[in-house]
N, C-alpha and C. Protein backbone atom coordinates (compact mmCIF):
# COMPACT_ATOMS: atom_id res chain seq x y z
N UNK A 1 113.54 165.00 114.95
CA UNK A 1 114.60 164.27 115.70
C UNK A 1 114.63 162.83 115.71
N UNK A 2 115.70 162.03 115.41
CA UNK A 2 115.69 160.88 115.46
C UNK A 2 116.48 160.22 116.81
N UNK A 3 115.59 159.76 117.76
CA UNK A 3 116.16 159.39 118.95
C UNK A 3 117.13 158.21 118.79
N UNK A 4 117.40 157.48 117.81
CA UNK A 4 118.26 156.51 117.70
C UNK A 4 119.69 157.05 117.00
N UNK A 5 119.79 158.28 116.63
CA UNK A 5 120.88 158.72 116.15
C UNK A 5 121.93 158.79 117.27
N UNK A 6 123.14 158.36 116.76
CA UNK A 6 124.49 158.19 117.70
C UNK A 6 124.93 159.71 117.55
N UNK A 7 125.24 160.23 118.84
CA UNK A 7 125.83 161.56 118.68
C UNK A 7 127.00 161.75 119.67
N UNK A 8 127.89 162.67 119.43
CA UNK A 8 129.03 162.90 120.17
C UNK A 8 128.68 163.61 121.44
N UNK A 9 129.09 162.92 122.73
CA UNK A 9 128.86 163.64 123.81
C UNK A 9 130.18 163.47 124.72
N UNK A 10 130.06 164.33 125.83
CA UNK A 10 131.07 164.35 126.99
C UNK A 10 130.38 164.33 128.20
N UNK A 11 130.93 163.72 129.35
CA UNK A 11 130.17 163.79 130.54
C UNK A 11 130.43 165.27 131.17
N UNK A 12 129.55 165.73 131.73
CA UNK A 12 129.53 167.04 132.16
C UNK A 12 130.62 167.22 133.21
N UNK A 13 130.71 166.22 134.18
CA UNK A 13 131.64 166.26 135.16
C UNK A 13 133.14 166.04 134.80
N UNK A 14 133.33 165.75 133.56
CA UNK A 14 134.74 165.92 133.07
C UNK A 14 134.81 167.15 132.48
N UNK A 15 134.15 167.72 131.61
CA UNK A 15 134.39 168.91 130.84
C UNK A 15 134.45 170.29 132.01
N UNK A 16 133.54 170.00 133.10
CA UNK A 16 133.48 171.14 133.94
C UNK A 16 134.06 170.81 135.19
N UNK A 17 135.15 169.80 135.04
CA UNK A 17 135.94 169.40 136.30
C UNK A 17 136.39 170.58 137.11
N UNK A 18 137.29 171.35 136.36
CA UNK A 18 137.99 172.57 137.00
C UNK A 18 137.23 173.88 137.09
N UNK A 19 136.37 173.94 136.18
CA UNK A 19 135.61 175.42 136.13
C UNK A 19 134.44 175.14 135.32
N UNK A 20 133.28 176.00 135.75
CA UNK A 20 132.06 176.06 134.87
C UNK A 20 131.76 177.46 134.85
N UNK A 21 131.14 177.86 133.57
CA UNK A 21 130.78 179.22 133.35
C UNK A 21 129.37 179.18 132.73
N UNK A 22 129.03 180.41 132.59
CA UNK A 22 127.63 180.56 131.85
C UNK A 22 127.94 181.56 130.82
N UNK A 23 127.42 181.26 129.54
CA UNK A 23 127.70 182.11 128.55
C UNK A 23 128.82 181.59 127.59
N UNK A 24 129.36 182.72 126.93
CA UNK A 24 130.55 182.44 125.86
C UNK A 24 131.89 182.58 126.51
N UNK A 25 132.62 181.50 126.68
CA UNK A 25 133.96 181.51 127.22
C UNK A 25 134.86 181.65 125.90
N UNK A 26 135.94 182.68 126.13
CA UNK A 26 136.69 182.95 124.89
C UNK A 26 138.20 182.94 125.26
N UNK A 27 138.41 182.38 126.45
CA UNK A 27 139.83 182.19 126.79
C UNK A 27 140.13 180.71 126.98
N UNK A 28 141.27 180.32 126.85
CA UNK A 28 141.72 178.87 127.10
C UNK A 28 140.94 177.78 126.43
N UNK A 29 140.58 178.26 125.17
CA UNK A 29 139.73 177.26 124.30
C UNK A 29 140.48 175.98 123.85
N UNK A 30 141.63 176.03 123.70
CA UNK A 30 142.26 174.97 123.20
C UNK A 30 142.32 173.91 124.35
N UNK A 31 142.49 174.18 125.49
CA UNK A 31 142.50 173.29 126.73
C UNK A 31 141.17 172.72 126.79
N UNK A 32 140.13 173.32 126.67
CA UNK A 32 138.70 172.60 126.76
C UNK A 32 138.56 171.87 125.28
N UNK A 33 138.97 172.04 124.29
CA UNK A 33 138.81 171.31 123.05
C UNK A 33 139.67 170.05 123.08
N UNK A 34 140.73 170.29 123.85
CA UNK A 34 141.62 168.94 124.13
C UNK A 34 140.86 167.84 124.94
N UNK A 35 140.30 168.48 126.00
CA UNK A 35 139.45 167.54 126.98
C UNK A 35 138.36 166.99 126.03
N UNK A 36 137.81 167.60 125.16
CA UNK A 36 136.64 166.86 124.67
C UNK A 36 137.29 166.02 123.53
N UNK A 37 138.17 166.22 122.93
CA UNK A 37 138.97 165.24 122.07
C UNK A 37 139.25 164.04 122.60
N UNK A 38 139.83 163.95 123.88
CA UNK A 38 140.46 162.98 124.73
C UNK A 38 139.36 162.32 125.61
N UNK A 39 138.14 162.77 125.50
CA UNK A 39 137.15 162.02 126.41
C UNK A 39 135.73 161.93 125.87
N UNK A 40 135.47 162.23 124.56
CA UNK A 40 134.18 161.99 123.97
C UNK A 40 133.87 160.59 123.91
N UNK A 41 132.45 160.44 123.76
CA UNK A 41 131.92 159.23 123.48
C UNK A 41 130.62 159.20 122.65
N UNK A 42 130.16 158.22 121.95
CA UNK A 42 128.87 158.37 121.32
C UNK A 42 127.94 157.72 122.06
N UNK A 43 126.70 158.30 122.06
CA UNK A 43 125.57 157.85 122.82
C UNK A 43 124.36 157.95 122.02
N UNK A 44 123.24 157.21 122.15
CA UNK A 44 121.98 157.46 121.61
C UNK A 44 121.31 158.54 121.93
N UNK A 45 120.87 159.28 120.90
CA UNK A 45 120.38 160.67 121.25
C UNK A 45 119.23 160.52 122.13
N UNK A 46 118.38 159.68 121.96
CA UNK A 46 117.26 159.37 122.99
C UNK A 46 117.48 159.36 124.36
N UNK A 47 118.71 158.89 124.61
CA UNK A 47 119.14 158.39 126.17
C UNK A 47 119.66 159.76 126.62
N UNK A 48 120.04 160.72 125.91
CA UNK A 48 121.01 161.87 126.37
C UNK A 48 120.10 163.22 126.31
N UNK A 49 119.01 163.13 125.64
CA UNK A 49 118.43 164.36 125.11
C UNK A 49 117.94 165.20 126.35
N UNK A 50 117.55 164.46 127.49
CA UNK A 50 117.25 165.10 128.67
C UNK A 50 117.90 164.83 129.93
N UNK A 51 119.05 164.45 129.61
CA UNK A 51 120.15 164.06 130.64
C UNK A 51 121.29 165.09 130.83
N UNK A 52 121.24 165.99 131.74
CA UNK A 52 122.29 167.13 131.69
C UNK A 52 123.55 166.47 132.44
N UNK A 53 123.51 165.29 132.66
CA UNK A 53 124.87 164.69 133.06
C UNK A 53 125.96 164.40 131.79
N UNK A 54 125.27 164.52 130.69
CA UNK A 54 126.03 164.60 129.36
C UNK A 54 125.90 165.88 128.65
N UNK A 55 127.04 166.35 128.03
CA UNK A 55 126.87 167.60 127.16
C UNK A 55 127.03 167.04 125.70
N UNK A 56 126.05 167.35 125.15
CA UNK A 56 126.04 167.23 123.49
C UNK A 56 126.86 168.28 122.84
N UNK A 57 127.82 167.92 122.09
CA UNK A 57 128.82 168.88 121.57
C UNK A 57 128.26 169.26 120.25
N UNK A 58 128.11 170.53 119.99
CA UNK A 58 127.53 171.22 118.86
C UNK A 58 128.41 172.18 118.27
N UNK A 59 128.93 171.81 117.18
CA UNK A 59 129.78 173.00 116.40
C UNK A 59 128.79 173.92 115.83
N UNK A 60 128.97 175.20 116.05
CA UNK A 60 127.98 176.28 115.68
C UNK A 60 128.88 177.37 115.03
N UNK A 61 128.30 177.41 113.53
CA UNK A 61 129.10 178.37 112.67
C UNK A 61 128.50 179.60 112.40
N UNK A 62 129.15 180.64 112.87
CA UNK A 62 128.77 181.94 112.34
C UNK A 62 129.43 182.15 111.11
N UNK A 63 128.68 182.61 110.07
CA UNK A 63 129.34 182.92 108.62
C UNK A 63 129.09 184.52 108.39
N UNK A 64 130.38 184.94 107.86
CA UNK A 64 130.32 186.39 107.79
C UNK A 64 130.97 186.68 106.38
N UNK A 65 130.28 187.76 105.63
CA UNK A 65 130.90 188.20 104.46
C UNK A 65 130.73 189.71 104.59
N UNK A 66 131.97 190.39 104.63
CA UNK A 66 131.90 191.97 104.59
C UNK A 66 131.20 192.39 106.08
N UNK A 67 130.18 193.20 105.77
CA UNK A 67 129.48 193.57 107.08
C UNK A 67 128.18 192.97 107.41
N UNK A 68 128.10 191.68 106.91
CA UNK A 68 126.87 190.69 107.21
C UNK A 68 127.17 189.58 107.66
N UNK A 69 126.35 189.12 108.51
CA UNK A 69 126.33 187.60 109.15
C UNK A 69 125.14 186.86 108.70
N UNK A 70 125.15 185.64 108.44
CA UNK A 70 124.01 184.66 108.17
C UNK A 70 123.22 184.47 109.41
N UNK A 71 121.99 184.66 109.41
CA UNK A 71 120.83 184.61 110.35
C UNK A 71 119.73 183.66 109.97
N UNK A 72 119.25 182.80 110.76
CA UNK A 72 118.22 182.02 110.29
C UNK A 72 117.31 181.59 111.45
N UNK A 73 116.18 181.29 111.00
CA UNK A 73 115.19 180.68 112.06
C UNK A 73 114.57 179.44 111.66
N UNK A 74 114.21 178.50 112.73
CA UNK A 74 113.49 177.36 112.50
C UNK A 74 111.88 177.68 112.29
N UNK A 75 111.26 177.14 111.09
CA UNK A 75 109.93 177.43 110.89
C UNK A 75 109.10 176.30 111.75
N UNK A 76 107.67 176.38 111.48
CA UNK A 76 106.85 175.40 112.07
C UNK A 76 107.03 173.97 111.80
N UNK A 77 107.64 173.76 110.59
CA UNK A 77 107.75 172.38 110.30
C UNK A 77 109.09 171.67 110.83
N UNK A 78 109.80 172.46 111.44
CA UNK A 78 111.14 172.15 111.88
C UNK A 78 111.15 170.90 112.84
N UNK A 79 112.01 169.96 112.88
CA UNK A 79 112.10 169.00 113.52
C UNK A 79 112.24 169.07 114.97
N UNK A 80 113.21 170.08 115.26
CA UNK A 80 113.48 170.33 116.65
C UNK A 80 112.29 171.46 117.16
N UNK A 81 111.21 170.78 117.86
CA UNK A 81 110.20 171.70 118.13
C UNK A 81 110.59 172.58 119.17
N UNK A 82 111.44 172.50 120.11
CA UNK A 82 111.79 173.35 121.02
C UNK A 82 112.47 174.71 120.73
N UNK A 83 112.90 174.65 119.31
CA UNK A 83 113.67 175.93 118.78
C UNK A 83 112.84 176.64 117.76
N UNK A 84 111.47 176.30 117.41
CA UNK A 84 110.67 177.09 116.57
C UNK A 84 110.72 178.47 116.96
N UNK A 85 110.90 179.16 115.97
CA UNK A 85 110.87 180.67 115.97
C UNK A 85 112.08 181.34 116.80
N UNK A 86 112.89 180.56 117.20
CA UNK A 86 113.93 181.14 117.67
C UNK A 86 115.08 181.38 116.62
N UNK A 87 115.71 182.64 116.68
CA UNK A 87 116.75 182.75 115.62
C UNK A 87 118.22 182.09 115.92
N UNK A 88 118.74 181.81 114.93
CA UNK A 88 120.10 181.00 115.10
C UNK A 88 121.06 181.91 114.39
N UNK A 89 122.18 182.13 115.05
CA UNK A 89 123.24 183.04 114.19
C UNK A 89 124.29 182.00 113.62
N UNK A 90 124.08 180.67 113.68
CA UNK A 90 124.90 179.80 113.33
C UNK A 90 124.41 178.44 112.61
N UNK A 91 125.29 177.88 111.81
CA UNK A 91 124.74 176.58 111.24
C UNK A 91 125.48 175.66 112.29
N UNK A 92 124.46 174.66 112.66
CA UNK A 92 124.89 173.90 113.76
C UNK A 92 124.20 172.55 113.60
N UNK A 93 124.88 171.52 114.45
CA UNK A 93 124.47 170.25 114.50
C UNK A 93 125.27 169.31 115.09
N UNK A 94 124.85 167.95 115.41
CA UNK A 94 125.49 167.13 116.21
C UNK A 94 126.82 166.44 115.30
N UNK A 95 127.49 165.82 116.18
CA UNK A 95 128.51 165.00 115.42
C UNK A 95 128.20 163.59 115.45
N UNK A 96 128.55 162.87 114.37
CA UNK A 96 128.06 161.42 114.36
C UNK A 96 129.29 160.48 114.20
N UNK A 97 129.12 159.20 114.40
CA UNK A 97 130.02 158.27 114.36
C UNK A 97 130.82 158.34 113.02
N UNK A 98 130.10 158.87 111.89
CA UNK A 98 130.66 158.90 110.51
C UNK A 98 131.68 159.96 110.47
N UNK A 99 131.55 160.68 111.33
CA UNK A 99 132.68 161.71 111.38
C UNK A 99 133.89 161.40 112.22
N UNK A 100 133.89 160.26 113.03
CA UNK A 100 135.03 159.75 113.61
C UNK A 100 136.12 159.09 112.89
N UNK A 101 135.89 158.81 111.67
CA UNK A 101 136.71 158.26 110.67
C UNK A 101 137.91 159.21 110.25
N UNK A 102 137.57 160.44 110.49
CA UNK A 102 138.54 161.28 110.13
C UNK A 102 139.65 161.69 111.25
N UNK A 103 140.72 162.35 111.00
CA UNK A 103 141.81 162.69 112.02
C UNK A 103 141.19 163.70 112.93
N UNK A 104 140.20 164.55 112.62
CA UNK A 104 139.78 165.63 113.54
C UNK A 104 138.27 165.41 113.50
N UNK A 105 137.81 164.65 114.49
CA UNK A 105 136.33 164.41 114.48
C UNK A 105 135.51 165.65 114.39
N UNK A 106 135.74 166.52 115.30
CA UNK A 106 135.02 167.78 115.53
C UNK A 106 134.89 168.42 114.19
N UNK A 107 136.17 168.66 113.64
CA UNK A 107 136.13 169.55 112.40
C UNK A 107 135.19 168.61 111.41
N UNK A 108 135.51 167.38 111.17
CA UNK A 108 134.89 166.61 110.29
C UNK A 108 133.28 166.80 110.32
N UNK A 109 132.73 166.83 111.67
CA UNK A 109 131.37 166.89 111.83
C UNK A 109 130.77 168.15 111.45
N UNK A 110 131.61 169.13 111.86
CA UNK A 110 131.21 170.61 111.65
C UNK A 110 131.11 170.93 110.08
N UNK A 111 132.00 170.21 109.35
CA UNK A 111 132.20 170.39 107.88
C UNK A 111 131.08 169.69 107.23
N UNK A 112 130.65 168.41 107.79
CA UNK A 112 129.57 167.84 107.27
C UNK A 112 128.10 168.54 107.29
N UNK A 113 128.03 169.07 108.50
CA UNK A 113 126.87 169.83 108.79
C UNK A 113 126.83 171.13 107.93
N UNK A 114 127.87 171.72 107.80
CA UNK A 114 127.87 172.86 106.85
C UNK A 114 127.42 172.54 105.35
N UNK A 115 128.05 171.35 104.86
CA UNK A 115 127.71 170.94 103.61
C UNK A 115 126.11 170.57 103.54
N UNK A 116 125.74 169.88 104.64
CA UNK A 116 124.19 169.46 104.59
C UNK A 116 123.22 170.56 104.96
N UNK A 117 123.57 171.55 105.54
CA UNK A 117 122.65 172.70 105.88
C UNK A 117 122.61 173.61 104.83
N UNK A 118 123.74 174.23 104.34
CA UNK A 118 123.68 175.37 103.57
C UNK A 118 124.28 175.10 102.13
N UNK A 119 124.09 175.89 101.03
CA UNK A 119 124.64 175.85 99.63
C UNK A 119 125.31 177.22 99.71
N UNK A 120 126.65 177.14 99.74
CA UNK A 120 127.49 178.27 99.72
C UNK A 120 128.23 178.26 98.47
N UNK A 121 128.11 179.49 97.67
CA UNK A 121 128.83 179.56 96.37
C UNK A 121 130.02 180.64 96.70
N UNK A 122 131.07 180.09 97.13
CA UNK A 122 132.27 180.95 97.27
C UNK A 122 133.23 180.01 98.12
N UNK A 123 134.28 180.85 98.53
CA UNK A 123 135.46 180.25 99.20
C UNK A 123 135.51 180.71 100.62
N UNK A 124 135.80 179.90 101.43
CA UNK A 124 135.93 180.13 102.81
C UNK A 124 137.50 180.56 103.22
N UNK A 125 137.53 181.85 103.54
CA UNK A 125 138.96 182.44 103.76
C UNK A 125 139.48 182.14 105.10
N UNK A 126 138.55 181.95 106.10
CA UNK A 126 139.17 181.92 107.46
C UNK A 126 137.93 181.02 108.33
N UNK A 127 138.57 179.93 109.13
CA UNK A 127 137.70 179.21 110.07
C UNK A 127 138.37 179.29 111.29
N UNK A 128 137.92 179.74 112.37
CA UNK A 128 138.41 179.85 113.64
C UNK A 128 137.32 179.59 114.78
N UNK A 129 137.79 179.03 115.87
CA UNK A 129 137.03 178.88 117.10
C UNK A 129 137.28 180.08 117.90
N UNK A 130 136.01 180.79 118.01
CA UNK A 130 135.90 182.06 118.90
C UNK A 130 135.38 181.79 120.35
N UNK A 131 134.84 180.82 120.62
CA UNK A 131 134.24 180.52 122.03
C UNK A 131 133.72 179.10 122.16
N UNK A 132 133.30 178.96 123.64
CA UNK A 132 132.76 177.82 123.75
C UNK A 132 131.46 178.23 124.72
N UNK A 133 130.36 177.76 124.41
CA UNK A 133 129.13 178.39 124.95
C UNK A 133 128.38 177.35 125.75
N UNK A 134 128.25 177.80 127.09
CA UNK A 134 127.36 176.83 128.06
C UNK A 134 126.30 177.89 128.53
N UNK A 135 125.09 177.25 128.49
CA UNK A 135 123.77 178.06 128.90
C UNK A 135 122.98 176.98 129.48
N UNK A 136 122.57 177.04 130.79
CA UNK A 136 121.81 176.31 131.54
C UNK A 136 120.55 176.88 131.71
N UNK A 137 120.05 178.04 130.98
CA UNK A 137 118.76 178.55 131.22
C UNK A 137 117.67 178.00 131.04
N UNK A 138 117.81 177.17 129.94
CA UNK A 138 116.50 176.38 129.27
C UNK A 138 116.86 174.85 129.19
N UNK A 139 115.89 174.01 129.36
CA UNK A 139 116.43 172.53 129.29
C UNK A 139 116.98 172.18 127.90
N UNK A 140 116.71 172.77 126.74
CA UNK A 140 117.27 172.33 125.55
C UNK A 140 118.66 172.73 125.39
N UNK A 141 119.09 173.92 125.84
CA UNK A 141 120.44 174.30 125.95
C UNK A 141 121.35 173.73 126.90
N UNK A 142 120.64 173.24 128.27
CA UNK A 142 121.41 172.57 129.26
C UNK A 142 122.19 171.28 128.91
N UNK A 143 121.58 170.56 127.96
CA UNK A 143 122.19 169.43 127.77
C UNK A 143 123.12 169.68 126.29
N UNK A 144 123.47 170.80 126.03
CA UNK A 144 124.19 170.92 124.83
C UNK A 144 125.42 172.00 125.22
N UNK A 145 126.47 171.75 124.43
CA UNK A 145 127.84 172.74 124.77
C UNK A 145 128.10 173.07 123.32
N UNK A 146 128.18 174.46 122.93
CA UNK A 146 128.45 175.03 121.60
C UNK A 146 129.82 175.24 121.42
N UNK A 147 130.22 174.75 120.45
CA UNK A 147 131.68 175.20 120.13
C UNK A 147 131.45 176.24 118.97
N UNK A 148 131.79 177.37 119.29
CA UNK A 148 131.42 178.70 118.45
C UNK A 148 132.51 178.86 117.39
N UNK A 149 132.31 178.78 115.99
CA UNK A 149 133.46 178.90 115.07
C UNK A 149 132.79 180.28 114.27
N UNK A 150 133.85 181.05 113.77
CA UNK A 150 133.48 181.96 112.66
C UNK A 150 134.23 181.40 111.33
N UNK A 151 133.46 181.54 110.43
CA UNK A 151 133.89 181.44 109.09
C UNK A 151 133.59 182.75 108.27
N UNK A 152 134.82 183.04 107.54
CA UNK A 152 134.58 184.23 106.79
C UNK A 152 134.68 183.71 105.23
N UNK A 153 133.90 184.35 104.48
CA UNK A 153 133.86 184.06 103.07
C UNK A 153 134.18 185.07 102.12
N UNK A 154 134.22 184.88 100.86
CA UNK A 154 134.41 185.80 99.90
C UNK A 154 133.09 186.04 99.12
N UNK A 155 131.90 185.46 99.54
CA UNK A 155 130.77 185.72 98.92
C UNK A 155 129.59 185.75 99.66
N UNK A 156 128.51 186.53 99.43
CA UNK A 156 127.38 186.30 100.23
C UNK A 156 126.26 185.40 99.73
N UNK A 157 126.65 184.71 98.71
CA UNK A 157 125.77 183.62 98.19
C UNK A 157 125.64 182.49 98.91
N UNK A 158 124.79 182.57 99.91
CA UNK A 158 124.59 181.38 100.80
C UNK A 158 123.03 181.14 101.05
N UNK A 159 122.71 180.05 100.78
CA UNK A 159 121.22 179.77 101.18
C UNK A 159 121.02 178.47 102.08
N UNK A 160 119.93 178.26 102.74
CA UNK A 160 119.65 177.14 103.40
C UNK A 160 119.06 176.07 102.36
N UNK A 161 119.31 174.74 102.76
CA UNK A 161 118.94 173.74 101.94
C UNK A 161 117.54 173.12 102.09
N UNK A 162 117.36 173.24 103.54
CA UNK A 162 115.86 172.98 104.01
C UNK A 162 115.00 174.11 104.07
N UNK A 163 114.56 174.53 103.05
CA UNK A 163 113.57 175.80 102.81
C UNK A 163 112.36 175.65 103.56
N UNK A 164 111.88 174.39 103.67
CA UNK A 164 110.36 174.04 104.39
C UNK A 164 110.47 174.16 105.90
N UNK A 165 111.69 174.00 106.38
CA UNK A 165 111.86 174.10 107.99
C UNK A 165 112.68 175.16 108.38
N UNK A 166 113.48 175.86 107.59
CA UNK A 166 114.38 177.02 107.99
C UNK A 166 114.38 178.14 106.90
N UNK A 167 114.31 179.24 107.53
CA UNK A 167 114.52 180.48 106.55
C UNK A 167 115.76 181.19 106.92
N UNK A 168 116.68 181.65 106.00
CA UNK A 168 118.00 182.14 106.40
C UNK A 168 118.20 183.31 105.44
N UNK A 169 119.09 184.26 105.94
CA UNK A 169 119.29 185.50 105.12
C UNK A 169 120.64 186.21 105.70
N UNK A 170 121.29 186.71 104.95
CA UNK A 170 122.41 187.70 105.46
C UNK A 170 121.84 188.99 106.03
N UNK A 171 122.42 189.39 107.12
CA UNK A 171 122.02 190.58 107.71
C UNK A 171 123.18 191.53 108.19
N UNK A 172 122.80 192.75 108.34
CA UNK A 172 123.82 193.46 109.16
C UNK A 172 123.67 193.61 110.60
N UNK A 173 124.65 194.07 111.49
CA UNK A 173 124.57 193.94 112.68
C UNK A 173 123.29 194.49 113.43
N UNK A 174 123.07 195.86 112.94
CA UNK A 174 121.75 196.63 113.40
C UNK A 174 120.46 195.83 112.91
N UNK A 175 120.52 195.06 111.99
CA UNK A 175 119.28 194.14 111.71
C UNK A 175 119.22 192.91 112.68
N UNK A 176 120.36 192.31 112.79
CA UNK A 176 120.40 191.32 113.79
C UNK A 176 120.04 191.59 115.23
N UNK A 177 120.46 192.93 115.53
CA UNK A 177 120.01 193.49 116.89
C UNK A 177 118.58 193.33 117.08
N UNK A 178 117.77 193.75 116.14
CA UNK A 178 116.40 193.84 116.10
C UNK A 178 115.72 192.31 116.46
N UNK A 179 116.47 191.57 115.58
CA UNK A 179 115.81 190.08 115.83
C UNK A 179 116.11 189.47 117.17
N UNK A 180 117.37 189.85 117.71
CA UNK A 180 117.69 189.34 118.97
C UNK A 180 116.62 189.61 120.17
N UNK A 181 116.04 190.76 120.05
CA UNK A 181 115.09 191.24 120.90
C UNK A 181 113.90 190.11 121.22
N UNK A 182 113.91 189.27 120.09
CA UNK A 182 112.61 188.31 120.04
C UNK A 182 112.95 186.96 119.99
N UNK A 183 114.28 186.84 120.62
CA UNK A 183 114.82 185.28 120.39
C UNK A 183 115.40 185.02 121.89
N UNK A 184 115.15 183.76 121.98
CA UNK A 184 115.82 183.03 123.27
C UNK A 184 116.98 182.13 122.62
N UNK A 185 117.59 181.36 123.54
CA UNK A 185 118.52 180.41 123.20
C UNK A 185 120.01 181.13 123.06
N UNK A 186 120.79 180.53 122.11
CA UNK A 186 122.27 180.96 121.98
C UNK A 186 122.50 182.23 121.27
N UNK A 187 121.66 182.44 120.29
CA UNK A 187 122.03 183.54 119.41
C UNK A 187 122.07 184.98 120.14
N UNK A 188 121.13 185.26 121.19
CA UNK A 188 121.23 186.59 121.88
C UNK A 188 122.63 186.45 122.67
N UNK A 189 123.06 185.48 123.02
CA UNK A 189 124.22 185.36 123.91
C UNK A 189 125.55 185.65 122.98
N UNK A 190 125.59 185.12 121.95
CA UNK A 190 126.64 185.27 120.82
C UNK A 190 126.62 186.55 120.39
N UNK A 191 125.45 187.17 120.25
CA UNK A 191 125.34 188.61 119.78
C UNK A 191 125.91 189.58 120.90
N UNK A 192 125.53 189.41 121.95
CA UNK A 192 125.80 190.42 122.85
C UNK A 192 127.35 190.12 123.38
N UNK A 193 127.88 188.88 123.48
CA UNK A 193 129.24 188.70 123.87
C UNK A 193 130.08 188.72 122.82
N UNK A 194 130.01 188.62 121.71
CA UNK A 194 130.81 188.72 120.60
C UNK A 194 130.55 189.53 119.52
N UNK A 195 129.45 189.52 118.68
CA UNK A 195 129.25 190.39 117.55
C UNK A 195 129.07 191.83 117.98
N UNK A 196 128.44 192.19 119.33
CA UNK A 196 128.15 193.48 119.61
C UNK A 196 129.65 194.24 119.99
N UNK A 197 130.46 193.40 120.25
CA UNK A 197 131.84 194.00 120.67
C UNK A 197 132.72 194.33 119.40
N UNK A 198 132.29 194.02 118.30
CA UNK A 198 133.14 194.16 117.17
C UNK A 198 133.33 195.54 116.64
């Protein structure tokens, strides 16, 4: 983690002014997306990493091909020590000032992370926001707000680029279910609230 990295955040009392929820919110998504787009700011990561008065906005991409989804986990050498051995159902990362040069800052950040994190040999057929995830159960999640997107592709040829710190593979829902029994964080919430209902 680079404490001097500038990241996109929103004040907690702004995003949760009218309502607060735990878990994956799947309704009224455009309303909350507009609040973020109209009120975000960039802060030094080291200043907000343990400050729950700010929510760090994290695009979180589920990748799907046919009956499989991309699942990965951080290994011992990962930079984010708080997430080691947790499974992730999505390609995720912070939004930086470089992304603010585009018309849609959030989408620009999401696509930059996608390009940085994985090598996908194929075409993306669909990209859609399926939920906004808030989870105050652990300190690492309490300072982050996830924008959960579903990407559908026409190929299963996807690999992580950082092989020393991350292990990833395509899995069926029953295979993912077994992994969720051993994981904390956002992945089990997304699995139970969304994938399990499909």
